[in-house]
Amino acid sequence: SYDPSTPYAGGDAVEADGLVYQCRTDAYGAYCNAGPEYAPGSPNSDRGWVKLGSCFGTIAPTSSPTHAGPDSGGCNHPWRESDLESYAAGARVEYNQFLFECKSDVHLSKYCKDGSYGPNGMYWDMAWNKVGWCDGTLAPTK
């Protein structure tokens, strides 16, 4: 059972609200000890914790990623730091064969103009939504 006073390391597994979470083994694992706002099951838990499954029954699988295709209005427009000033809410770009769209929120979309929040960065999900992939196929997740 998760205990906020326990120091957690990458790979540690805990139970919270009938679900099993594992502390990430990469740099994000530091969030496992960042306080209750990052606890397993909290709105920010995915920063440090990976949901492994349910203690009772099963968790429904997530939906498959969407194939955006080359004509989706972004796959032929690679994300570039030199284009930062042109990115606004709704802008679509391609990075690593994935299609990203700048968030529509008036505040969050401002991050699209900051290279620190680019699709290649640690905090990309604060500025961009991953819409799908552009070409080829993707292997299923576990």
C-alpha atoms as a PDB file:
ATOM      1  CA  SER A   1       0.000   0.000   0.000  1.00  0.00           C
ATOM      2  CA  TYR A   2       1.277   3.478  -0.868  1.00  0.00           C
ATOM      3  CA  ASP A   3       2.682   5.433   2.084  1.00  0.00           C
ATOM      4  CA  PRO A   4       3.634   9.086   1.424  1.00  0.00           C
ATOM      5  CA  SER A   5       6.283   8.950   4.172  1.00  0.00           C
ATOM      6  CA  THR A   6       8.146   6.071   2.494  1.00  0.00           C
ATOM      7  CA  PRO A   7      11.004   6.980   0.110  1.00  0.00           C
ATOM      8  CA  TYR A   8      10.492   5.170  -3.212  1.00  0.00           C
ATOM      9  CA  ALA A   9      13.064   4.167  -5.819  1.00  0.00           C
ATOM     10  CA  GLY A  10      12.684   3.282  -9.475  1.00  0.00           C
ATOM     11  CA  GLY A  11      11.013  -0.104  -9.870  1.00  0.00           C
ATOM     12  CA  ASP A  12       9.207  -0.050  -6.501  1.00  0.00           C
ATOM     13  CA  ALA A  13       5.581  -1.188  -6.799  1.00  0.00           C
ATOM     14  CA  VAL A  14       2.707  -0.011  -4.601  1.00  0.00           C
ATOM     15  CA  GLU A  15      -1.049  -0.423  -4.368  1.00  0.00           C
ATOM     16  CA  ALA A  16      -3.414   2.543  -4.275  1.00  0.00           C
ATOM     17  CA  ASP A  17      -7.198   2.389  -4.605  1.00  0.00           C
ATOM     18  CA  GLY A  18      -7.144  -1.174  -5.912  1.00  0.00           C
ATOM     19  CA  LEU A  19      -4.540  -0.461  -8.612  1.00  0.00           C
ATOM     20  CA  VAL A  20      -0.859  -1.369  -8.794  1.00  0.00           C
ATOM     21  CA  TYR A  21       1.638   1.359  -9.711  1.00  0.00           C
ATOM     22  CA  GLN A  22       5.376   1.120 -10.327  1.00  0.00           C
ATOM     23  CA  CYS A  23       7.814   3.978  -9.749  1.00  0.00           C
ATOM     24  CA  ARG A  24       9.444   4.929 -13.044  1.00  0.00           C
ATOM     25  CA  THR A  25      13.085   3.969 -13.466  1.00  0.00           C
ATOM     26  CA  ASP A  26      14.037   7.025 -15.539  1.00  0.00           C
ATOM     27  CA  ALA A  27      14.564  10.609 -14.355  1.00  0.00           C
ATOM     28  CA  TYR A  28      10.799  11.017 -13.851  1.00  0.00           C
ATOM     29  CA  GLY A  29      11.041   8.516 -10.988  1.00  0.00           C
ATOM     30  CA  ALA A  30      11.988  11.471  -8.777  1.00  0.00           C
ATOM     31  CA  TYR A  31       8.281  12.412  -8.842  1.00  0.00           C
ATOM     32  CA  CYS A  32       7.539   9.274  -6.789  1.00  0.00           C
ATOM     33  CA  ASN A  33       8.790  11.244  -3.782  1.00  0.00           C
ATOM     34  CA  ALA A  34       7.496  14.696  -4.779  1.00  0.00           C
ATOM     35  CA  GLY A  35       4.497  14.821  -2.451  1.00  0.00           C
ATOM     36  CA  PRO A  36       0.774  14.030  -2.451  1.00  0.00           C
ATOM     37  CA  GLU A  37       0.057  15.921  -5.673  1.00  0.00           C
ATOM     38  CA  TYR A  38       2.106  13.209  -7.476  1.00  0.00           C
ATOM     39  CA  ALA A  39       0.909  10.201  -5.443  1.00  0.00           C
ATOM     40  CA  PRO A  40      -0.375   7.107  -7.278  1.00  0.00           C
ATOM     41  CA  GLY A  41      -3.927   7.763  -8.457  1.00  0.00           C
ATOM     42  CA  SER A  42      -3.598  11.561  -8.297  1.00  0.00           C
ATOM     43  CA  PRO A  43      -4.138  13.656 -11.453  1.00  0.00           C
ATOM     44  CA  ASN A  44      -0.336  14.022 -11.778  1.00  0.00           C
ATOM     45  CA  SER A  45       0.604  10.455 -10.869  1.00  0.00           C
ATOM     46  CA  ASP A  46       1.722   9.609 -14.405  1.00  0.00           C
ATOM     47  CA  ARG A  47       4.733  11.887 -13.930  1.00  0.00           C
ATOM     48  CA  GLY A  48       6.425   9.364 -11.648  1.00  0.00           C
ATOM     49  CA  TRP A  49       4.240   6.274 -11.568  1.00  0.00           C
ATOM     50  CA  VAL A  50       3.236   3.743 -14.228  1.00  0.00           C
ATOM     51  CA  LYS A  51      -0.142   2.055 -13.758  1.00  0.00           C
ATOM     52  CA  LEU A  52       0.533  -1.687 -14.056  1.00  0.00           C
ATOM     53  CA  GLY A  53      -2.908  -3.129 -13.451  1.00  0.00           C
ATOM     54  CA  SER A  54      -5.716  -3.834 -11.084  1.00  0.00           C
ATOM     55  CA  CYS A  55      -5.611  -5.796  -7.870  1.00  0.00           C
ATOM     56  CA  PHE A  56      -9.084  -7.095  -8.769  1.00  0.00           C
ATOM     57  CA  GLY A  57     -10.023  -8.194 -12.275  1.00  0.00           C
ATOM     58  CA  THR A  58      -8.546  -6.394 -15.257  1.00  0.00           C
ATOM     59  CA  ILE A  59      -8.121  -2.936 -16.701  1.00  0.00           C
ATOM     60  CA  ALA A  60      -9.569  -2.353 -20.133  1.00  0.00           C
ATOM     61  CA  PRO A  61      -6.894  -1.852 -22.803  1.00  0.00           C
ATOM     62  CA  THR A  62      -6.234   1.637 -24.081  1.00  0.00           C
ATOM     63  CA  SER A  63      -7.307   2.537 -27.584  1.00  0.00           C
ATOM     64  CA  SER A  64      -4.908   2.072 -30.456  1.00  0.00           C
ATOM     65  CA  PRO A  65      -3.027   5.119 -31.706  1.00  0.00           C
ATOM     66  CA  THR A  66      -4.593   6.870 -34.665  1.00  0.00           C
ATOM     67  CA  HIS A  67      -2.890   6.738 -38.038  1.00  0.00           C
ATOM     68  CA  ALA A  68      -2.883  10.374 -39.082  1.00  0.00           C
ATOM     69  CA  GLY A  69      -1.436   9.784 -42.543  1.00  0.00           C
ATOM     70  CA  PRO A  70       0.635  12.141 -44.645  1.00  0.00           C
ATOM     71  CA  ASP A  71      -2.325  14.358 -45.609  1.00  0.00           C
ATOM     72  CA  SER A  72      -3.319  15.243 -42.044  1.00  0.00           C
ATOM     73  CA  GLY A  73      -2.016  18.812 -42.036  1.00  0.00           C
ATOM     74  CA  GLY A  74       1.183  18.409 -40.074  1.00  0.00           C
ATOM     75  CA  CYS A  75       3.016  15.271 -41.095  1.00  0.00           C
ATOM     76  CA  ASN A  76       4.810  17.161 -43.840  1.00  0.00           C
ATOM     77  CA  HIS A  77       5.712  19.990 -41.450  1.00  0.00           C
ATOM     78  CA  PRO A  78       8.554  18.917 -39.156  1.00  0.00           C
ATOM     79  CA  TRP A  79       8.889  20.644 -35.784  1.00  0.00           C
ATOM     80  CA  ARG A  80      11.827  23.063 -35.871  1.00  0.00           C
ATOM     81  CA  GLU A  81      13.182  25.419 -33.231  1.00  0.00           C
ATOM     82  CA  SER A  82      13.651  27.992 -35.989  1.00  0.00           C
ATOM     83  CA  ASP A  83       9.827  28.030 -36.456  1.00  0.00           C
ATOM     84  CA  LEU A  84       8.890  28.517 -32.785  1.00  0.00           C
ATOM     85  CA  GLU A  85       7.319  31.959 -33.296  1.00  0.00           C
ATOM     86  CA  SER A  86       4.908  30.545 -35.873  1.00  0.00           C
ATOM     87  CA  TYR A  87       3.420  27.902 -33.543  1.00  0.00           C
ATOM     88  CA  ALA A  88       0.016  28.799 -32.122  1.00  0.00           C
ATOM     89  CA  ALA A  89      -3.039  26.912 -30.855  1.00  0.00           C
ATOM     90  CA  GLY A  90      -4.012  24.216 -33.349  1.00  0.00           C
ATOM     91  CA  ALA A  91      -0.666  24.193 -35.202  1.00  0.00           C
ATOM     92  CA  ARG A  92       0.292  20.699 -36.317  1.00  0.00           C
ATOM     93  CA  VAL A  93       3.843  19.437 -36.662  1.00  0.00           C
ATOM     94  CA  GLU A  94       5.639  16.140 -37.142  1.00  0.00           C
ATOM     95  CA  TYR A  95       8.387  14.859 -34.877  1.00  0.00           C
ATOM     96  CA  ASN A  96       9.850  11.319 -34.996  1.00  0.00           C
ATOM     97  CA  GLN A  97       7.015  10.182 -37.298  1.00  0.00           C
ATOM     98  CA  PHE A  98       4.355  11.347 -34.815  1.00  0.00           C
ATOM     99  CA  LEU A  99       1.859  14.137 -35.384  1.00  0.00           C
ATOM    100  CA  PHE A 100       1.554  16.742 -32.615  1.00  0.00           C
ATOM    101  CA  GLU A 101      -0.985  19.547 -32.261  1.00  0.00           C
ATOM    102  CA  CYS A 102      -0.409  22.671 -30.183  1.00  0.00           C
ATOM    103  CA  LYS A 103      -2.931  22.745 -27.328  1.00  0.00           C
ATOM    104  CA  SER A 104      -5.963  24.983 -27.818  1.00  0.00           C
ATOM    105  CA  ASP A 105      -5.880  26.388 -24.274  1.00  0.00           C
ATOM    106  CA  VAL A 106      -4.972  30.094 -24.435  1.00  0.00           C
ATOM    107  CA  HIS A 107      -2.349  29.695 -21.707  1.00  0.00           C
ATOM    108  CA  LEU A 108      -0.872  26.302 -22.566  1.00  0.00           C
ATOM    109  CA  SER A 109      -0.581  27.092 -26.279  1.00  0.00           C
ATOM    110  CA  LYS A 110       1.994  29.773 -25.416  1.00  0.00           C
ATOM    111  CA  TYR A 111       4.388  26.960 -24.474  1.00  0.00           C
ATOM    112  CA  CYS A 112       4.437  25.840 -28.128  1.00  0.00           C
ATOM    113  CA  LYS A 113       6.639  28.878 -28.824  1.00  0.00           C
ATOM    114  CA  ASP A 114       9.182  27.751 -26.213  1.00  0.00           C
ATOM    115  CA  GLY A 115      11.742  25.188 -27.358  1.00  0.00           C
ATOM    116  CA  SER A 116      11.868  23.693 -23.851  1.00  0.00           C
ATOM    117  CA  TYR A 117       8.333  22.376 -24.422  1.00  0.00           C
ATOM    118  CA  GLY A 118       8.906  21.039 -27.940  1.00  0.00           C
ATOM    119  CA  PRO A 119       7.869  17.510 -28.912  1.00  0.00           C
ATOM    120  CA  ASN A 120      11.498  16.524 -28.376  1.00  0.00           C
ATOM    121  CA  GLY A 121      11.575  17.750 -24.772  1.00  0.00           C
ATOM    122  CA  MET A 122      10.774  16.480 -21.311  1.00  0.00           C
ATOM    123  CA  TYR A 123       7.661  18.651 -20.904  1.00  0.00           C
ATOM    124  CA  TRP A 124       6.207  18.336 -24.402  1.00  0.00           C
ATOM    125  CA  ASP A 125       2.803  17.240 -23.074  1.00  0.00           C
ATOM    126  CA  MET A 126       2.248  20.620 -21.430  1.00  0.00           C
ATOM    127  CA  ALA A 127       2.151  22.297 -24.855  1.00  0.00           C
ATOM    128  CA  TRP A 128       1.348  19.593 -27.392  1.00  0.00           C
ATOM    129  CA  ASN A 129      -1.191  16.801 -27.863  1.00  0.00           C
ATOM    130  CA  LYS A 130       0.053  13.673 -29.618  1.00  0.00           C
ATOM    131  CA  VAL A 131      -2.536  13.179 -32.358  1.00  0.00           C
ATOM    132  CA  GLY A 132      -1.223  10.018 -33.985  1.00  0.00           C
ATOM    133  CA  TRP A 133       1.522   8.721 -36.206  1.00  0.00           C
ATOM    134  CA  CYS A 134       2.286   9.839 -39.715  1.00  0.00           C
ATOM    135  CA  ASP A 135       3.478   6.835 -41.654  1.00  0.00           C
ATOM    136  CA  GLY A 136       4.329   3.176 -41.334  1.00  0.00           C
ATOM    137  CA  THR A 137       3.080   0.969 -38.508  1.00  0.00           C
ATOM    138  CA  LEU A 138       3.462   0.854 -34.755  1.00  0.00           C
ATOM    139  CA  ALA A 139       3.940  -2.234 -32.642  1.00  0.00           C
ATOM    140  CA  PRO A 140       1.214  -2.841 -30.033  1.00  0.00           C
ATOM    141  CA  THR A 141       1.947  -1.876 -26.443  1.00  0.00           C
ATOM    142  CA  LYS A 142       2.032  -4.440 -23.649  1.00  0.00           C
END
